[in-house]
Amino acid sequence: MKIERELGTKGQVVIPKDIRAFLGLKRGRKVVFETRDHEVVIKPEQDVDAFLRDFFSFPHLKKDITLKELKKMRDDSYDVP
C-alpha cells in the first residue's frame, strides 16, 4: 500500500484511515517511529503486559503460569552441558 500525504506547517502528517485500520490504531493509542537506513517505519506501541500474557499462556494447561512460577522454574533449573 502506498499513500502520499502533505506535511503540515507544524511538521505533522495524518495517518490515512486505511493504514490506521490495518494497524489497529485508535484515538489515544501510541505509535513508535523507527528509522532504518533512509526510511521510517511506523508501528503500534507494543502492550508489554498483553504480550507477556499471550507469550506465557499455555492452552494445554488449566491455568496460566504466573511470573512468580516462572522465576521459581528458572531458579530450580540447572545447566546441561
PDB file of N, CA and C in Angstrom:
ATOM      1  N   MET A   1       0.851  -1.165   0.000  1.00  0.00           N
ATOM      2  CA  MET A   1       0.000   0.000   0.000  1.00  0.00           C
ATOM      3  C   MET A   1       0.902   1.234   0.000  1.00  0.00           C
ATOM      4  N   LYS A   2       0.609   2.168  -0.859  1.00  0.00           N
ATOM      5  CA  LYS A   2       1.383   3.400  -0.918  1.00  0.00           C
ATOM      6  C   LYS A   2       0.399   4.568  -0.985  1.00  0.00           C
ATOM      7  N   ILE A   3       0.494   5.474  -0.007  1.00  0.00           N
ATOM      8  CA  ILE A   3      -0.376   6.635   0.053  1.00  0.00           C
ATOM      9  C   ILE A   3       0.500   7.849   0.346  1.00  0.00           C
ATOM     10  N   GLU A   4       0.296   8.922  -0.391  1.00  0.00           N
ATOM     11  CA  GLU A   4       1.067  10.140  -0.166  1.00  0.00           C
ATOM     12  C   GLU A   4       0.242  11.135   0.631  1.00  0.00           C
ATOM     13  N   ARG A   5       0.912  11.868   1.514  1.00  0.00           N
ATOM     14  CA  ARG A   5       0.270  12.917   2.302  1.00  0.00           C
ATOM     15  C   ARG A   5       1.196  14.133   2.324  1.00  0.00           C
ATOM     16  N   GLU A   6       0.607  15.309   2.484  1.00  0.00           N
ATOM     17  CA  GLU A   6       1.375  16.544   2.547  1.00  0.00           C
ATOM     18  C   GLU A   6       1.748  16.838   3.992  1.00  0.00           C
ATOM     19  N   LEU A   7       2.966  17.310   4.192  1.00  0.00           N
ATOM     20  CA  LEU A   7       3.452  17.678   5.516  1.00  0.00           C
ATOM     21  C   LEU A   7       2.847  19.019   5.904  1.00  0.00           C
ATOM     22  N   GLY A   8       2.248  19.100   7.077  1.00  0.00           N
ATOM     23  CA  GLY A   8       1.614  20.334   7.549  1.00  0.00           C
ATOM     24  C   GLY A   8       2.631  21.348   8.038  1.00  0.00           C
ATOM     25  N   THR A   9       2.148  22.524   8.410  1.00  0.00           N
ATOM     26  CA  THR A   9       3.040  23.611   8.832  1.00  0.00           C
ATOM     27  C   THR A   9       3.800  23.285  10.122  1.00  0.00           C
ATOM     28  N   LYS A  10       3.254  22.437  10.961  1.00  0.00           N
ATOM     29  CA  LYS A  10       3.920  22.043  12.207  1.00  0.00           C
ATOM     30  C   LYS A  10       4.680  20.727  12.054  1.00  0.00           C
ATOM     31  N   GLY A  11       4.844  20.253  10.811  1.00  0.00           N
ATOM     32  CA  GLY A  11       5.562  19.005  10.573  1.00  0.00           C
ATOM     33  C   GLY A  11       4.712  17.778  10.820  1.00  0.00           C
ATOM     34  N   GLN A  12       3.404  17.943  10.863  1.00  0.00           N
ATOM     35  CA  GLN A  12       2.505  16.835  11.149  1.00  0.00           C
ATOM     36  C   GLN A  12       1.973  16.208   9.864  1.00  0.00           C
ATOM     37  N   VAL A  13       1.715  14.915   9.950  1.00  0.00           N
ATOM     38  CA  VAL A  13       1.116  14.158   8.847  1.00  0.00           C
ATOM     39  C   VAL A  13      -0.015  13.318   9.434  1.00  0.00           C
ATOM     40  N   VAL A  14      -1.151  13.312   8.764  1.00  0.00           N
ATOM     41  CA  VAL A  14      -2.274  12.480   9.200  1.00  0.00           C
ATOM     42  C   VAL A  14      -2.059  11.072   8.651  1.00  0.00           C
ATOM     43  N   ILE A  15      -2.126  10.079   9.535  1.00  0.00           N
ATOM     44  CA  ILE A  15      -2.017   8.693   9.092  1.00  0.00           C
ATOM     45  C   ILE A  15      -3.341   8.330   8.422  1.00  0.00           C
ATOM     46  N   PRO A  16      -3.302   7.906   7.161  1.00  0.00           N
ATOM     47  CA  PRO A  16      -4.545   7.592   6.438  1.00  0.00           C
ATOM     48  C   PRO A  16      -5.391   6.542   7.156  1.00  0.00           C
ATOM     49  N   LYS A  17      -6.709   6.678   7.012  1.00  0.00           N
ATOM     50  CA  LYS A  17      -7.666   5.795   7.682  1.00  0.00           C
ATOM     51  C   LYS A  17      -7.396   4.326   7.381  1.00  0.00           C
ATOM     52  N   ASP A  18      -7.093   3.984   6.116  1.00  0.00           N
ATOM     53  CA  ASP A  18      -6.828   2.588   5.755  1.00  0.00           C
ATOM     54  C   ASP A  18      -5.635   2.029   6.517  1.00  0.00           C
ATOM     55  N   ILE A  19      -4.596   2.842   6.696  1.00  0.00           N
ATOM     56  CA  ILE A  19      -3.402   2.382   7.415  1.00  0.00           C
ATOM     57  C   ILE A  19      -3.699   2.278   8.905  1.00  0.00           C
ATOM     58  N   ARG A  20      -4.449   3.243   9.453  1.00  0.00           N
ATOM     59  CA  ARG A  20      -4.842   3.156  10.870  1.00  0.00           C
ATOM     60  C   ARG A  20      -5.644   1.884  11.125  1.00  0.00           C
ATOM     61  N   ALA A  21      -6.556   1.571  10.219  1.00  0.00           N
ATOM     62  CA  ALA A  21      -7.362   0.347  10.366  1.00  0.00           C
ATOM     63  C   ALA A  21      -6.475  -0.887  10.268  1.00  0.00           C
ATOM     64  N   PHE A  22      -5.555  -0.891   9.324  1.00  0.00           N
ATOM     65  CA  PHE A  22      -4.649  -2.032   9.135  1.00  0.00           C
ATOM     66  C   PHE A  22      -3.803  -2.283  10.381  1.00  0.00           C
ATOM     67  N   LEU A  23      -3.343  -1.196  11.024  1.00  0.00           N
ATOM     68  CA  LEU A  23      -2.501  -1.320  12.218  1.00  0.00           C
ATOM     69  C   LEU A  23      -3.308  -1.408  13.514  1.00  0.00           C
ATOM     70  N   GLY A  24      -4.625  -1.253  13.412  1.00  0.00           N
ATOM     71  CA  GLY A  24      -5.472  -1.305  14.607  1.00  0.00           C
ATOM     72  C   GLY A  24      -5.295  -0.094  15.500  1.00  0.00           C
ATOM     73  N   LEU A  25      -5.016   1.061  14.905  1.00  0.00           N
ATOM     74  CA  LEU A  25      -4.782   2.279  15.676  1.00  0.00           C
ATOM     75  C   LEU A  25      -6.103   2.987  15.959  1.00  0.00           C
ATOM     76  N   LYS A  26      -6.307   3.330  17.205  1.00  0.00           N
ATOM     77  CA  LYS A  26      -7.482   4.094  17.633  1.00  0.00           C
ATOM     78  C   LYS A  26      -6.985   5.384  18.290  1.00  0.00           C
ATOM     79  N   ARG A  27      -7.875   6.333  18.457  1.00  0.00           N
ATOM     80  CA  ARG A  27      -7.527   7.605  19.084  1.00  0.00           C
ATOM     81  C   ARG A  27      -6.888   7.362  20.461  1.00  0.00           C
ATOM     82  N   GLY A  28      -5.785   8.037  20.721  1.00  0.00           N
ATOM     83  CA  GLY A  28      -5.098   7.917  22.004  1.00  0.00           C
ATOM     84  C   GLY A  28      -4.047   6.815  22.040  1.00  0.00           C
ATOM     85  N   ARG A  29      -4.032   5.936  21.057  1.00  0.00           N
ATOM     86  CA  ARG A  29      -3.038   4.854  21.014  1.00  0.00           C
ATOM     87  C   ARG A  29      -1.695   5.435  20.605  1.00  0.00           C
ATOM     88  N   LYS A  30      -0.637   4.962  21.185  1.00  0.00           N
ATOM     89  CA  LYS A  30       0.702   5.448  20.862  1.00  0.00           C
ATOM     90  C   LYS A  30       1.289   4.648  19.705  1.00  0.00           C
ATOM     91  N   VAL A  31       2.128   5.334  18.924  1.00  0.00           N
ATOM     92  CA  VAL A  31       2.835   4.677  17.832  1.00  0.00           C
ATOM     93  C   VAL A  31       4.328   4.867  18.034  1.00  0.00           C
ATOM     94  N   VAL A  32       5.104   3.978  17.436  1.00  0.00           N
ATOM     95  CA  VAL A  32       6.553   4.025  17.511  1.00  0.00           C
ATOM     96  C   VAL A  32       7.082   4.368  16.127  1.00  0.00           C
ATOM     97  N   PHE A  33       8.001   5.333  16.062  1.00  0.00           N
ATOM     98  CA  PHE A  33       8.681   5.679  14.816  1.00  0.00           C
ATOM     99  C   PHE A  33      10.075   5.093  14.885  1.00  0.00           C
ATOM    100  N   GLU A  34      10.433   4.297  13.904  1.00  0.00           N
ATOM    101  CA  GLU A  34      11.744   3.641  13.877  1.00  0.00           C
ATOM    102  C   GLU A  34      12.402   3.954  12.535  1.00  0.00           C
ATOM    103  N   THR A  35      13.662   4.399  12.572  1.00  0.00           N
ATOM    104  CA  THR A  35      14.364   4.692  11.320  1.00  0.00           C
ATOM    105  C   THR A  35      15.226   3.507  10.925  1.00  0.00           C
ATOM    106  N   ARG A  36      15.192   3.211   9.634  1.00  0.00           N
ATOM    107  CA  ARG A  36      16.014   2.139   9.049  1.00  0.00           C
ATOM    108  C   ARG A  36      16.610   2.696   7.765  1.00  0.00           C
ATOM    109  N   ASP A  37      17.912   2.865   7.747  1.00  0.00           N
ATOM    110  CA  ASP A  37      18.591   3.496   6.613  1.00  0.00           C
ATOM    111  C   ASP A  37      17.915   4.841   6.334  1.00  0.00           C
ATOM    112  N   HIS A  38      17.307   5.014   5.183  1.00  0.00           N
ATOM    113  CA  HIS A  38      16.651   6.280   4.839  1.00  0.00           C
ATOM    114  C   HIS A  38      15.133   6.127   4.809  1.00  0.00           C
ATOM    115  N   GLU A  39      14.604   5.243   5.667  1.00  0.00           N
ATOM    116  CA  GLU A  39      13.164   5.015   5.752  1.00  0.00           C
ATOM    117  C   GLU A  39      12.706   5.161   7.197  1.00  0.00           C
ATOM    118  N   VAL A  40      11.434   5.425   7.360  1.00  0.00           N
ATOM    119  CA  VAL A  40      10.828   5.484   8.687  1.00  0.00           C
ATOM    120  C   VAL A  40       9.728   4.440   8.743  1.00  0.00           C
ATOM    121  N   VAL A  41       9.755   3.614   9.775  1.00  0.00           N
ATOM    122  CA  VAL A  41       8.735   2.594   9.988  1.00  0.00           C
ATOM    123  C   VAL A  41       7.852   3.070  11.136  1.00  0.00           C
ATOM    124  N   ILE A  42       6.539   3.029  10.918  1.00  0.00           N
ATOM    125  CA  ILE A  42       5.575   3.409  11.958  1.00  0.00           C
ATOM    126  C   ILE A  42       4.835   2.152  12.376  1.00  0.00           C
ATOM    127  N   LYS A  43       4.832   1.892  13.680  1.00  0.00           N
ATOM    128  CA  LYS A  43       4.133   0.701  14.166  1.00  0.00           C
ATOM    129  C   LYS A  43       3.479   1.001  15.503  1.00  0.00           C
ATOM    130  N   PRO A  44       2.430   0.249  15.838  1.00  0.00           N
ATOM    131  CA  PRO A  44       1.759   0.469  17.125  1.00  0.00           C
ATOM    132  C   PRO A  44       2.704   0.163  18.277  1.00  0.00           C
ATOM    133  N   GLU A  45       2.565   0.923  19.360  1.00  0.00           N
ATOM    134  CA  GLU A  45       3.361   0.642  20.547  1.00  0.00           C
ATOM    135  C   GLU A  45       2.959  -0.720  21.086  1.00  0.00           C
ATOM    136  N   GLN A  46       3.930  -1.504  21.480  1.00  0.00           N
ATOM    137  CA  GLN A  46       3.681  -2.851  21.990  1.00  0.00           C
ATOM    138  C   GLN A  46       3.145  -2.767  23.412  1.00  0.00           C
ATOM    139  N   ASP A  47       2.028  -3.400  23.665  1.00  0.00           N
ATOM    140  CA  ASP A  47       1.481  -3.506  25.016  1.00  0.00           C
ATOM    141  C   ASP A  47       2.222  -4.654  25.692  1.00  0.00           C
ATOM    142  N   VAL A  48       3.192  -4.323  26.522  1.00  0.00           N
ATOM    143  CA  VAL A  48       4.085  -5.323  27.111  1.00  0.00           C
ATOM    144  C   VAL A  48       3.319  -6.333  27.957  1.00  0.00           C
ATOM    145  N   ASP A  49       2.374  -5.858  28.749  1.00  0.00           N
ATOM    146  CA  ASP A  49       1.617  -6.784  29.601  1.00  0.00           C
ATOM    147  C   ASP A  49       0.829  -7.786  28.766  1.00  0.00           C
ATOM    148  N   ALA A  50       0.176  -7.291  27.710  1.00  0.00           N
ATOM    149  CA  ALA A  50      -0.596  -8.189  26.838  1.00  0.00           C
ATOM    150  C   ALA A  50       0.325  -9.169  26.129  1.00  0.00           C
ATOM    151  N   PHE A  51       1.487  -8.683  25.682  1.00  0.00           N
ATOM    152  CA  PHE A  51       2.443  -9.566  25.018  1.00  0.00           C
ATOM    153  C   PHE A  51       2.892 -10.677  25.959  1.00  0.00           C
ATOM    154  N   LEU A  52       3.243 -10.324  27.189  1.00  0.00           N
ATOM    155  CA  LEU A  52       3.708 -11.330  28.144  1.00  0.00           C
ATOM    156  C   LEU A  52       2.605 -12.325  28.489  1.00  0.00           C
ATOM    157  N   ARG A  53       1.368 -11.831  28.641  1.00  0.00           N
ATOM    158  CA  ARG A  53       0.252 -12.748  28.917  1.00  0.00           C
ATOM    159  C   ARG A  53       0.093 -13.747  27.769  1.00  0.00           C
ATOM    160  N   ASP A  54       0.124 -13.254  26.536  1.00  0.00           N
ATOM    161  CA  ASP A  54      -0.008 -14.147  25.379  1.00  0.00           C
ATOM    162  C   ASP A  54       1.165 -15.102  25.273  1.00  0.00           C
ATOM    163  N   PHE A  55       2.377 -14.574  25.491  1.00  0.00           N
ATOM    164  CA  PHE A  55       3.588 -15.376  25.349  1.00  0.00           C
ATOM    165  C   PHE A  55       3.640 -16.505  26.366  1.00  0.00           C
ATOM    166  N   PHE A  56       3.209 -16.220  27.594  1.00  0.00           N
ATOM    167  CA  PHE A  56       3.304 -17.210  28.657  1.00  0.00           C
ATOM    168  C   PHE A  56       2.002 -17.953  28.927  1.00  0.00           C
ATOM    169  N   SER A  57       1.033 -17.826  28.039  1.00  0.00           N
ATOM    170  CA  SER A  57      -0.187 -18.605  28.228  1.00  0.00           C
ATOM    171  C   SER A  57       0.005 -19.965  27.567  1.00  0.00           C
ATOM    172  N   PHE A  58      -0.405 -20.975  28.240  1.00  0.00           N
ATOM    173  CA  PHE A  58      -0.258 -22.335  27.748  1.00  0.00           C
ATOM    174  C   PHE A  58      -1.643 -22.963  27.673  1.00  0.00           C
ATOM    175  N   PRO A  59      -2.218 -23.039  26.448  1.00  0.00           N
ATOM    176  CA  PRO A  59      -3.600 -23.509  26.309  1.00  0.00           C
ATOM    177  C   PRO A  59      -3.834 -24.918  26.851  1.00  0.00           C
ATOM    178  N   HIS A  60      -2.797 -25.766  26.856  1.00  0.00           N
ATOM    179  CA  HIS A  60      -2.986 -27.143  27.318  1.00  0.00           C
ATOM    180  C   HIS A  60      -3.033 -27.243  28.851  1.00  0.00           C
ATOM    181  N   LEU A  61      -2.668 -26.158  29.543  1.00  0.00           N
ATOM    182  CA  LEU A  61      -2.755 -26.149  30.999  1.00  0.00           C
ATOM    183  C   LEU A  61      -4.103 -25.587  31.419  1.00  0.00           C
ATOM    184  N   LYS A  62      -4.506 -25.928  32.614  1.00  0.00           N
ATOM    185  CA  LYS A  62      -5.788 -25.437  33.108  1.00  0.00           C
ATOM    186  C   LYS A  62      -5.711 -23.975  33.535  1.00  0.00           C
ATOM    187  N   LYS A  63      -4.483 -23.458  33.764  1.00  0.00           N
ATOM    188  CA  LYS A  63      -4.315 -22.062  34.159  1.00  0.00           C
ATOM    189  C   LYS A  63      -3.009 -21.534  33.570  1.00  0.00           C
ATOM    190  N   ASP A  64      -2.910 -20.216  33.499  1.00  0.00           N
ATOM    191  CA  ASP A  64      -1.684 -19.588  33.007  1.00  0.00           C
ATOM    192  C   ASP A  64      -0.611 -19.651  34.089  1.00  0.00           C
ATOM    193  N   ILE A  65       0.635 -19.651  33.661  1.00  0.00           N
ATOM    194  CA  ILE A  65       1.751 -19.636  34.593  1.00  0.00           C
ATOM    195  C   ILE A  65       2.009 -18.193  35.011  1.00  0.00           C
ATOM    196  N   THR A  66       2.171 -17.962  36.298  1.00  0.00           N
ATOM    197  CA  THR A  66       2.426 -16.612  36.798  1.00  0.00           C
ATOM    198  C   THR A  66       3.915 -16.295  36.700  1.00  0.00           C
ATOM    199  N   LEU A  67       4.238 -15.026  36.803  1.00  0.00           N
ATOM    200  CA  LEU A  67       5.633 -14.605  36.777  1.00  0.00           C
ATOM    201  C   LEU A  67       6.398 -15.232  37.944  1.00  0.00           C
ATOM    202  N   LYS A  68       5.761 -15.333  39.097  1.00  0.00           N
ATOM    203  CA  LYS A  68       6.397 -15.941  40.275  1.00  0.00           C
ATOM    204  C   LYS A  68       6.748 -17.403  39.991  1.00  0.00           C
ATOM    205  N   GLU A  69       5.827 -18.118  39.339  1.00  0.00           N
ATOM    206  CA  GLU A  69       6.085 -19.522  38.998  1.00  0.00           C
ATOM    207  C   GLU A  69       7.205 -19.646  37.973  1.00  0.00           C
ATOM    208  N   LEU A  70       7.255 -18.711  37.008  1.00  0.00           N
ATOM    209  CA  LEU A  70       8.331 -18.735  36.012  1.00  0.00           C
ATOM    210  C   LEU A  70       9.685 -18.505  36.663  1.00  0.00           C
ATOM    211  N   LYS A  71       9.752 -17.568  37.622  1.00  0.00           N
ATOM    212  CA  LYS A  71      11.007 -17.310  38.327  1.00  0.00           C
ATOM    213  C   LYS A  71      11.434 -18.532  39.126  1.00  0.00           C
ATOM    214  N   LYS A  72      10.474 -19.214  39.755  1.00  0.00           N
ATOM    215  CA  LYS A  72      10.796 -20.428  40.508  1.00  0.00           C
ATOM    216  C   LYS A  72      11.331 -21.506  39.576  1.00  0.00           C
ATOM    217  N   MET A  73      10.711 -21.645  38.405  1.00  0.00           N
ATOM    218  CA  MET A  73      11.186 -22.631  37.431  1.00  0.00           C
ATOM    219  C   MET A  73      12.620 -22.305  37.008  1.00  0.00           C
ATOM    220  N   ARG A  74      12.895 -21.022  36.797  1.00  0.00           N
ATOM    221  CA  ARG A  74      14.244 -20.610  36.419  1.00  0.00           C
ATOM    222  C   ARG A  74      15.234 -20.921  37.549  1.00  0.00           C
ATOM    223  N   ASP A  75      14.854 -20.586  38.773  1.00  0.00           N
ATOM    224  CA  ASP A  75      15.744 -20.812  39.922  1.00  0.00           C
ATOM    225  C   ASP A  75      15.977 -22.309  40.165  1.00  0.00           C
ATOM    226  N   ASP A  76      14.969 -23.128  39.886  1.00  0.00           N
ATOM    227  CA  ASP A  76      15.084 -24.567  40.118  1.00  0.00           C
ATOM    228  C   ASP A  76      15.786 -25.289  38.971  1.00  0.00           C
ATOM    229  N   SER A  77      15.946 -24.615  37.846  1.00  0.00           N
ATOM    230  CA  SER A  77      16.554 -25.284  36.687  1.00  0.00           C
ATOM    231  C   SER A  77      18.076 -25.363  36.856  1.00  0.00           C
ATOM    232  N   TYR A  78      18.699 -26.139  36.013  1.00  0.00           N
ATOM    233  CA  TYR A  78      20.162 -26.270  36.058  1.00  0.00           C
ATOM    234  C   TYR A  78      20.667 -26.340  34.621  1.00  0.00           C
ATOM    235  N   ASP A  79      21.932 -26.024  34.445  1.00  0.00           N
ATOM    236  CA  ASP A  79      22.549 -26.027  33.111  1.00  0.00           C
ATOM    237  C   ASP A  79      22.938 -27.442  32.727  1.00  0.00           C
ATOM    238  N   VAL A  80      22.651 -27.804  31.502  1.00  0.00           N
ATOM    239  CA  VAL A  80      23.037 -29.110  30.977  1.00  0.00           C
ATOM    240  C   VAL A  80      24.188 -28.883  30.003  1.00  0.00           C
ATOM    241  N   PRO A  81      25.310 -29.576  30.203  1.00  0.00           N
ATOM    242  CA  PRO A  81      26.482 -29.352  29.320  1.00  0.00           C
ATOM    243  C   PRO A  81      26.215 -29.804  27.895  1.00  0.00           C
TER     244      PRO A  81
END
